[in-house]
Amino acid sequence: MSDFTFNTTPSIRQVWGGAREFGATLAEQPFAQAVRRVLMVTDPGVRGLGLCDPCLDSLSAAGFEVSVFDAVEADPKSETVLAAADVAHDCDLVVGFGGGSSMDVAKVVALLARSTQPLDALYGVGLARGARLPLVLVPTTAGTGSEVTPISILTTGTVEKKGIVSPLLLPDMALLDASLTVGLPPAITAATGVDAMVHAIEAYTSRSANNNAVSRALAGRALELLGANIRTAVADGMSREAREAMLLGSMLAGQAFANSPVGAVHALAYPVGSLFHVPHGLSNALVLAEVMRFNLPDAAQGYAEIAPRIFPDIDMTCGTQAIAVELIDRLAQLNADLGLGPGLRSVGIAESDIAKLADDAMNQTRLLVNNPREVTQGDAERIYRASL
């Protein structure tokens, strides 16, 4: 058995309606005993819907002074992080409240508020040093798993996405309150749900030296929850059972890929998102099937192992290769049934864009090294072309 390391958020609370009691819960935490001033980092959409209000009210009722930074955009820019960090210097704790973008910004803000390192020095793996402010993350979508990952993805310059990876980015606590997700539209529920499935699939089959039994077990359970509930969550957003299962599945998938990193699906999805402003979950969905087909020579066994976790009725008697192919076909059909697709052309991408997409994808070396099969520039172009 290979050696491995597994790290995750030290305190995870799943409480339906927990945002309404957030202030009292926070006041009980050892890491918050000296906290008086709280900064909430969120986006204007979440703020405008009033999702933050119960949490903000409970913080005030518990005696905390609260400031709100609500200017986080999709694919957040480094300038946004720096603006939020300016506010955080006067605060004692940061709360990331929202989707992956808000949580990713909150992570780095908590770090910059205490660090002497400039933001540009943090990009990469394990480069962050020192301390950070106490940090709590509250997801309002079931997809990114950012509440349990030591990763923050930011847009630098005009379109390039870069990652900061450090154990310092793991929060002190994550609150899973699935009641915050009941108002999500079907399209967002579908895209973020498939994003979580991709996290689990890529974690299970990762070529990372740290691919481990704990991550694979979590990925498998995540796929069971997500596969069994995604259609219901999309069709009936008010289903508490489906919403709780999706949020838990997303978190488990996040724990899995935080320790057994993702590969080419994400590497090829990032340029789609940054160049064409396509939501991250949809970007993943649009390239998933063709990346998996490309990976078949080296990942068929792993795909066959997870196939019945997602689709319990799949025929497991027809051999490894056939099972893996059936899994890919069913995932492609699931995307279609959920309204994700039918391909890259549906989001405005043409044949003439493929070379640029492939160029940018090949810069995602942090991710490509984890893919079960080596990806060349030509391979990336062929995958994009097949995904049109």
Foldseek 3Di string as FASTA:
>chain_A
DADADADWQPAEAEDAVCLLQQLVVLCPDPLCVVFAEEEEFEAPVCVVVVLNVSNVVNNVVSRHHYDYDHHFDFQGAPVSLVVSLVVCLPGQEYEQEEAQRSLLSRLVSQQSSPDPDDPVQQFDAARRDDAGHAYEYEYLAQAQLQQIAQKHWHAYDQFAITMGGDPRSHHNYYYYHLNSNLPPALLRLLLRLQNLLQLLLQLLQWPDSNSDPQLVVLSLLLLLLSLVQSVVCSVRSNDPSSSSSSNSSSNSSSSNCSRRPGALLQLLLRNLCRVLVDRSSLSSLLLVLLLLVVLLVQCLQSQLVSLCSNPVPQDNPPDSSVSSNVSSVVSLVSCVVSVRDPFSVVSPDDLVCLLVSLVSSVVVVVHHNTRRDHADSVNSSVSNVVSD
